Amino acid sequence: MQLDFDKMGGLVPAIIQDDMTQKVLMLGFMNPEAVRKTIDTGRVTFFSRTKGRLWTKGEESGHFLLVKSIRKDCDNDTLLIKAHPCGPVCHTGADTCFGETNRDDMAFITYLQDFIEQRKAEMPEGSYTTSLFNSGVNRMAQKVGEEAVETVIEATNGSDERLIYEASDLLYHLIVLLTSKGYRIEDLARELKKRHK
């Protein structure tokens, strides 16, 4: 990875962003060795200006930042690293160094579809998702219908707790069906966005 380390005396800033929630977690600095170690180990490593050495985030706390992707900016002098945090990121115990809560429950839907796609690729034995893919598209569509009916029943005659439970089943089975047809939940979001006036 070609980077311009000369602008800041041998360092480049590295913005760390949560791969799932898209929240900015922290900012650190890297020299060429830190970039190499980050790529080689899959754990974000900085050059600590105060310690004067390489420092892997989480080396003491165990709260590592596991690298998902690394991109450089258009000037080749800043990195954007998307990572999965293994615990709070800030030394104060906060989720981020900017005092934000790092949670976005909607982002779990994308994670779930990624997981379901992985199940489809690997088809591990004993997995319920695998059994759905093995049953074929007709059975998957039937399951969506069954879960839709159960959701309606809970909405009209059941409890709020059961409504959430059955609606969650419906969404899961719908994502499995979409995956089997080569689509993603984001395709539905795009369609809804297009219709929104």
C-alpha atoms as a PDB file:
ATOM      1  CA  MET A   1       0.000   0.000   0.000  1.00  0.00           C
ATOM      2  CA  GLN A   2       1.617   3.243  -1.185  1.00  0.00           C
ATOM      3  CA  LEU A   3       1.166   6.025   1.355  1.00  0.00           C
ATOM      4  CA  ASP A   4       2.652   9.511   1.682  1.00  0.00           C
ATOM      5  CA  PHE A   5       4.275   9.515   5.129  1.00  0.00           C
ATOM      6  CA  ASP A   6       6.310  12.675   4.430  1.00  0.00           C
ATOM      7  CA  LYS A   7       3.525  15.232   5.023  1.00  0.00           C
ATOM      8  CA  MET A   8       3.362  14.482   8.763  1.00  0.00           C
ATOM      9  CA  GLY A   9       6.944  13.538   9.514  1.00  0.00           C
ATOM     10  CA  GLY A  10       6.656   9.795   8.921  1.00  0.00           C
ATOM     11  CA  LEU A  11       3.091   9.279  10.119  1.00  0.00           C
ATOM     12  CA  VAL A  12      -0.384   9.094   8.616  1.00  0.00           C
ATOM     13  CA  PRO A  13      -3.653   9.502  10.523  1.00  0.00           C
ATOM     14  CA  ALA A  14      -5.835   6.378  10.717  1.00  0.00           C
ATOM     15  CA  ILE A  15      -9.562   6.807  11.267  1.00  0.00           C
ATOM     16  CA  ILE A  16     -11.046   3.697  12.868  1.00  0.00           C
ATOM     17  CA  GLN A  17     -14.699   3.002  12.064  1.00  0.00           C
ATOM     18  CA  ASP A  18     -16.902   0.172  13.304  1.00  0.00           C
ATOM     19  CA  ASP A  19     -17.555  -2.090  10.340  1.00  0.00           C
ATOM     20  CA  MET A  20     -21.103  -2.892  11.449  1.00  0.00           C
ATOM     21  CA  THR A  21     -22.436   0.325  13.018  1.00  0.00           C
ATOM     22  CA  GLN A  22     -20.327   2.741  10.909  1.00  0.00           C
ATOM     23  CA  LYS A  23     -19.569   4.784  14.051  1.00  0.00           C
ATOM     24  CA  VAL A  24     -16.163   6.463  14.168  1.00  0.00           C
ATOM     25  CA  LEU A  25     -14.392   4.809  17.102  1.00  0.00           C
ATOM     26  CA  MET A  26     -11.090   6.655  17.343  1.00  0.00           C
ATOM     27  CA  LEU A  27      -8.237   8.321  15.513  1.00  0.00           C
ATOM     28  CA  GLY A  28      -4.624   7.206  15.745  1.00  0.00           C
ATOM     29  CA  PHE A  29      -1.381   7.543  13.815  1.00  0.00           C
ATOM     30  CA  MET A  30       0.606   4.953  11.920  1.00  0.00           C
ATOM     31  CA  ASN A  31       4.108   4.767  10.573  1.00  0.00           C
ATOM     32  CA  PRO A  32       5.040   2.239   7.848  1.00  0.00           C
ATOM     33  CA  GLU A  33       5.780  -0.488  10.425  1.00  0.00           C
ATOM     34  CA  ALA A  34       2.397   0.016  12.121  1.00  0.00           C
ATOM     35  CA  VAL A  35       0.621  -0.298   8.773  1.00  0.00           C
ATOM     36  CA  ARG A  36       2.530  -3.507   7.993  1.00  0.00           C
ATOM     37  CA  LYS A  37       1.807  -5.018  11.398  1.00  0.00           C
ATOM     38  CA  THR A  38      -1.880  -4.091  11.113  1.00  0.00           C
ATOM     39  CA  ILE A  39      -2.107  -5.842   7.737  1.00  0.00           C
ATOM     40  CA  ASP A  40      -0.065  -8.861   8.861  1.00  0.00           C
ATOM     41  CA  THR A  41      -1.872  -9.484  12.173  1.00  0.00           C
ATOM     42  CA  GLY A  42      -5.371  -8.250  11.368  1.00  0.00           C
ATOM     43  CA  ARG A  43      -5.295  -6.171  14.553  1.00  0.00           C
ATOM     44  CA  VAL A  44      -5.076  -2.383  14.444  1.00  0.00           C
ATOM     45  CA  THR A  45      -1.610  -1.238  15.483  1.00  0.00           C
ATOM     46  CA  PHE A  46      -0.575   2.386  15.858  1.00  0.00           C
ATOM     47  CA  PHE A  47       2.657   4.234  16.381  1.00  0.00           C
ATOM     48  CA  SER A  48       2.262   5.752  19.831  1.00  0.00           C
ATOM     49  CA  ARG A  49       3.716   9.251  19.816  1.00  0.00           C
ATOM     50  CA  THR A  50       3.794   9.340  23.629  1.00  0.00           C
ATOM     51  CA  LYS A  51       5.374   5.899  24.061  1.00  0.00           C
ATOM     52  CA  GLY A  52       7.603   6.233  20.990  1.00  0.00           C
ATOM     53  CA  ARG A  53       6.861   2.669  19.850  1.00  0.00           C
ATOM     54  CA  LEU A  54       4.362   0.458  18.064  1.00  0.00           C
ATOM     55  CA  TRP A  55       1.225  -0.106  20.089  1.00  0.00           C
ATOM     56  CA  THR A  56      -1.477  -2.629  19.235  1.00  0.00           C
ATOM     57  CA  LYS A  57      -4.854  -1.395  20.430  1.00  0.00           C
ATOM     58  CA  GLY A  58      -5.986  -3.837  23.122  1.00  0.00           C
ATOM     59  CA  GLU A  59      -2.542  -5.244  23.916  1.00  0.00           C
ATOM     60  CA  GLU A  60      -3.193  -4.628  27.617  1.00  0.00           C
ATOM     61  CA  SER A  61      -6.999  -4.644  27.862  1.00  0.00           C
ATOM     62  CA  GLY A  62      -7.750  -7.377  25.325  1.00  0.00           C
ATOM     63  CA  HIS A  63     -10.078  -4.944  23.553  1.00  0.00           C
ATOM     64  CA  PHE A  64      -8.513  -5.443  20.133  1.00  0.00           C
ATOM     65  CA  LEU A  65      -9.735  -3.837  16.931  1.00  0.00           C
ATOM     66  CA  LEU A  66     -10.053  -6.639  14.355  1.00  0.00           C
ATOM     67  CA  VAL A  67      -9.495  -5.320  10.839  1.00  0.00           C
ATOM     68  CA  LYS A  68     -12.238  -5.799   8.266  1.00  0.00           C
ATOM     69  CA  SER A  69     -10.949  -3.440   5.554  1.00  0.00           C
ATOM     70  CA  ILE A  70      -8.322  -0.743   4.974  1.00  0.00           C
ATOM     71  CA  ARG A  71      -8.630   2.106   2.499  1.00  0.00           C
ATOM     72  CA  LYS A  72      -6.433   5.074   1.762  1.00  0.00           C
ATOM     73  CA  ASP A  73      -7.826   8.452   0.832  1.00  0.00           C
ATOM     74  CA  CYS A  74      -7.427  10.243  -2.505  1.00  0.00           C
ATOM     75  CA  ASP A  75      -4.210  11.983  -1.356  1.00  0.00           C
ATOM     76  CA  ASN A  76      -2.616   8.764  -0.060  1.00  0.00           C
ATOM     77  CA  ASP A  77      -2.018  10.365   3.330  1.00  0.00           C
ATOM     78  CA  THR A  78      -4.918   9.134   5.499  1.00  0.00           C
ATOM     79  CA  LEU A  79      -6.299   5.666   6.219  1.00  0.00           C
ATOM     80  CA  LEU A  80      -9.859   4.581   6.886  1.00  0.00           C
ATOM     81  CA  ILE A  81      -9.833   1.280   8.743  1.00  0.00           C
ATOM     82  CA  LYS A  82     -13.100  -0.539   9.295  1.00  0.00           C
ATOM     83  CA  ALA A  83     -12.820  -2.866  12.250  1.00  0.00           C
ATOM     84  CA  HIS A  84     -14.722  -4.962  14.746  1.00  0.00           C
ATOM     85  CA  PRO A  85     -14.095  -3.773  18.323  1.00  0.00           C
ATOM     86  CA  CYS A  86     -13.656  -6.475  20.971  1.00  0.00           C
ATOM     87  CA  GLY A  87     -14.983  -4.279  23.760  1.00  0.00           C
ATOM     88  CA  PRO A  88     -14.899  -0.588  24.639  1.00  0.00           C
ATOM     89  CA  VAL A  89     -12.442   1.398  22.522  1.00  0.00           C
ATOM     90  CA  CYS A  90     -11.623   4.385  24.739  1.00  0.00           C
ATOM     91  CA  HIS A  91      -9.242   4.114  27.702  1.00  0.00           C
ATOM     92  CA  THR A  92     -12.036   5.694  29.786  1.00  0.00           C
ATOM     93  CA  GLY A  93     -14.206   2.627  29.167  1.00  0.00           C
ATOM     94  CA  ALA A  94     -16.471   4.414  26.661  1.00  0.00           C
ATOM     95  CA  ASP A  95     -17.534   2.715  23.441  1.00  0.00           C
ATOM     96  CA  THR A  96     -15.747   5.369  21.369  1.00  0.00           C
ATOM     97  CA  CYS A  97     -13.129   8.020  21.996  1.00  0.00           C
ATOM     98  CA  PHE A  98     -15.812  10.591  21.134  1.00  0.00           C
ATOM     99  CA  GLY A  99     -18.173   9.575  23.927  1.00  0.00           C
ATOM    100  CA  GLU A 100     -20.763   7.998  21.642  1.00  0.00           C
ATOM    101  CA  THR A 101     -22.615   4.775  22.311  1.00  0.00           C
ATOM    102  CA  ASN A 102     -21.559   2.300  19.642  1.00  0.00           C
ATOM    103  CA  ARG A 103     -24.812   0.550  18.937  1.00  0.00           C
ATOM    104  CA  ASP A 104     -27.018   0.453  15.880  1.00  0.00           C
ATOM    105  CA  ASP A 105     -29.530  -2.354  16.098  1.00  0.00           C
ATOM    106  CA  MET A 106     -30.543  -1.856  12.450  1.00  0.00           C
ATOM    107  CA  ALA A 107     -26.989  -2.721  11.404  1.00  0.00           C
ATOM    108  CA  PHE A 108     -27.571  -6.213  12.820  1.00  0.00           C
ATOM    109  CA  ILE A 109     -29.971  -6.909   9.932  1.00  0.00           C
ATOM    110  CA  THR A 110     -27.112  -6.508   7.441  1.00  0.00           C
ATOM    111  CA  TYR A 111     -24.883  -8.664   9.658  1.00  0.00           C
ATOM    112  CA  LEU A 112     -27.621 -11.316   9.787  1.00  0.00           C
ATOM    113  CA  GLN A 113     -27.902 -11.431   6.011  1.00  0.00           C
ATOM    114  CA  ASP A 114     -24.104 -11.709   5.722  1.00  0.00           C
ATOM    115  CA  PHE A 115     -24.280 -14.624   8.171  1.00  0.00           C
ATOM    116  CA  ILE A 116     -27.094 -16.283   6.203  1.00  0.00           C
ATOM    117  CA  GLU A 117     -25.116 -15.871   2.964  1.00  0.00           C
ATOM    118  CA  GLN A 118     -22.153 -17.538   4.671  1.00  0.00           C
ATOM    119  CA  ARG A 119     -24.411 -20.399   5.737  1.00  0.00           C
ATOM    120  CA  LYS A 120     -25.566 -20.771   2.117  1.00  0.00           C
ATOM    121  CA  ALA A 121     -21.963 -20.888   0.899  1.00  0.00           C
ATOM    122  CA  GLU A 122     -20.781 -23.373   3.530  1.00  0.00           C
ATOM    123  CA  MET A 123     -24.004 -25.369   4.170  1.00  0.00           C
ATOM    124  CA  PRO A 124     -22.873 -26.739   7.563  1.00  0.00           C
ATOM    125  CA  GLU A 125     -24.667 -29.851   8.773  1.00  0.00           C
ATOM    126  CA  GLY A 126     -27.050 -29.394  11.677  1.00  0.00           C
ATOM    127  CA  SER A 127     -27.839 -25.759  10.840  1.00  0.00           C
ATOM    128  CA  TYR A 128     -31.505 -24.768  10.599  1.00  0.00           C
ATOM    129  CA  THR A 129     -30.604 -22.271   7.878  1.00  0.00           C
ATOM    130  CA  THR A 130     -28.894 -25.045   5.902  1.00  0.00           C
ATOM    131  CA  SER A 131     -32.056 -27.162   6.195  1.00  0.00           C
ATOM    132  CA  LEU A 132     -34.096 -24.286   4.771  1.00  0.00           C
ATOM    133  CA  PHE A 133     -31.778 -23.925   1.772  1.00  0.00           C
ATOM    134  CA  ASN A 134     -31.893 -27.700   1.246  1.00  0.00           C
ATOM    135  CA  SER A 135     -35.706 -27.667   1.325  1.00  0.00           C
ATOM    136  CA  GLY A 136     -35.942 -25.486  -1.797  1.00  0.00           C
ATOM    137  CA  VAL A 137     -37.545 -22.180  -2.668  1.00  0.00           C
ATOM    138  CA  ASN A 138     -41.137 -23.450  -2.426  1.00  0.00           C
ATOM    139  CA  ARG A 139     -40.683 -24.544   1.189  1.00  0.00           C
ATOM    140  CA  MET A 140     -38.834 -21.323   2.035  1.00  0.00           C
ATOM    141  CA  ALA A 141     -41.705 -19.269   0.560  1.00  0.00           C
ATOM    142  CA  GLN A 142     -44.202 -21.404   2.483  1.00  0.00           C
ATOM    143  CA  LYS A 143     -42.299 -20.676   5.730  1.00  0.00           C
ATOM    144  CA  VAL A 144     -42.526 -16.932   5.008  1.00  0.00           C
ATOM    145  CA  GLY A 145     -46.296 -17.339   4.569  1.00  0.00           C
ATOM    146  CA  GLU A 146     -46.631 -19.328   7.800  1.00  0.00           C
ATOM    147  CA  GLU A 147     -44.642 -16.764   9.759  1.00  0.00           C
ATOM    148  CA  ALA A 148     -46.703 -13.920   8.222  1.00  0.00           C
ATOM    149  CA  VAL A 149     -49.926 -15.597   9.397  1.00  0.00           C
ATOM    150  CA  GLU A 150     -48.498 -16.128  12.893  1.00  0.00           C
ATOM    151  CA  THR A 151     -47.458 -12.454  12.985  1.00  0.00           C
ATOM    152  CA  VAL A 152     -50.980 -11.350  12.021  1.00  0.00           C
ATOM    153  CA  ILE A 153     -52.514 -13.598  14.689  1.00  0.00           C
ATOM    154  CA  GLU A 154     -50.279 -12.154  17.394  1.00  0.00           C
ATOM    155  CA  ALA A 155     -50.974  -8.592  16.177  1.00  0.00           C
ATOM    156  CA  THR A 156     -54.739  -9.049  16.382  1.00  0.00           C
ATOM    157  CA  ASN A 157     -55.223 -11.473  19.281  1.00  0.00           C
ATOM    158  CA  GLY A 158     -51.887 -11.991  20.999  1.00  0.00           C
ATOM    159  CA  SER A 159     -49.392 -10.191  23.150  1.00  0.00           C
ATOM    160  CA  ASP A 160     -46.902  -7.510  22.143  1.00  0.00           C
ATOM    161  CA  GLU A 161     -44.066  -9.825  23.202  1.00  0.00           C
ATOM    162  CA  ARG A 162     -45.309 -12.619  20.904  1.00  0.00           C
ATOM    163  CA  LEU A 163     -45.866 -10.116  18.087  1.00  0.00           C
ATOM    164  CA  ILE A 164     -42.191  -9.105  18.215  1.00  0.00           C
ATOM    165  CA  TYR A 165     -41.137 -12.760  18.399  1.00  0.00           C
ATOM    166  CA  GLU A 166     -43.223 -13.836  15.387  1.00  0.00           C
ATOM    167  CA  ALA A 167     -42.342 -10.726  13.347  1.00  0.00           C
ATOM    168  CA  SER A 168     -38.674 -11.530  13.964  1.00  0.00           C
ATOM    169  CA  ASP A 169     -39.257 -15.065  12.660  1.00  0.00           C
ATOM    170  CA  LEU A 170     -40.968 -13.565   9.613  1.00  0.00           C
ATOM    171  CA  LEU A 171     -38.049 -11.233   8.892  1.00  0.00           C
ATOM    172  CA  TYR A 172     -35.489 -14.021   9.317  1.00  0.00           C
ATOM    173  CA  HIS A 173     -37.325 -16.335   6.924  1.00  0.00           C
ATOM    174  CA  LEU A 174     -37.812 -13.502   4.441  1.00  0.00           C
ATOM    175  CA  ILE A 175     -34.057 -12.818   4.453  1.00  0.00           C
ATOM    176  CA  VAL A 176     -33.379 -16.525   3.869  1.00  0.00           C
ATOM    177  CA  LEU A 177     -35.807 -16.489   0.921  1.00  0.00           C
ATOM    178  CA  LEU A 178     -34.237 -13.310  -0.510  1.00  0.00           C
ATOM    179  CA  THR A 179     -30.774 -14.835  -0.147  1.00  0.00           C
ATOM    180  CA  SER A 180     -31.863 -17.957  -2.000  1.00  0.00           C
ATOM    181  CA  LYS A 181     -33.011 -15.765  -4.885  1.00  0.00           C
ATOM    182  CA  GLY A 182     -29.778 -13.723  -4.912  1.00  0.00           C
ATOM    183  CA  TYR A 183     -31.210 -10.594  -3.281  1.00  0.00           C
ATOM    184  CA  ARG A 184     -30.465  -8.710  -0.095  1.00  0.00           C
ATOM    185  CA  ILE A 185     -32.584  -6.845   2.430  1.00  0.00           C
ATOM    186  CA  GLU A 186     -30.906  -3.672   1.136  1.00  0.00           C
ATOM    187  CA  ASP A 187     -32.684  -4.278  -2.187  1.00  0.00           C
ATOM    188  CA  LEU A 188     -35.964  -3.848  -0.314  1.00  0.00           C
ATOM    189  CA  ALA A 189     -34.642  -0.699   1.350  1.00  0.00           C
ATOM    190  CA  ARG A 190     -33.753   0.735  -2.077  1.00  0.00           C
ATOM    191  CA  GLU A 191     -37.213  -0.079  -3.412  1.00  0.00           C
ATOM    192  CA  LEU A 192     -38.902   1.549  -0.415  1.00  0.00           C
ATOM    193  CA  LYS A 193     -36.645   4.597  -0.729  1.00  0.00           C
ATOM    194  CA  LYS A 194     -37.567   4.891  -4.403  1.00  0.00           C
ATOM    195  CA  ARG A 195     -41.280   4.862  -3.506  1.00  0.00           C
ATOM    196  CA  HIS A 196     -40.922   7.373  -0.671  1.00  0.00           C
ATOM    197  CA  LYS A 197     -42.243  10.827  -1.536  1.00  0.00           C
END
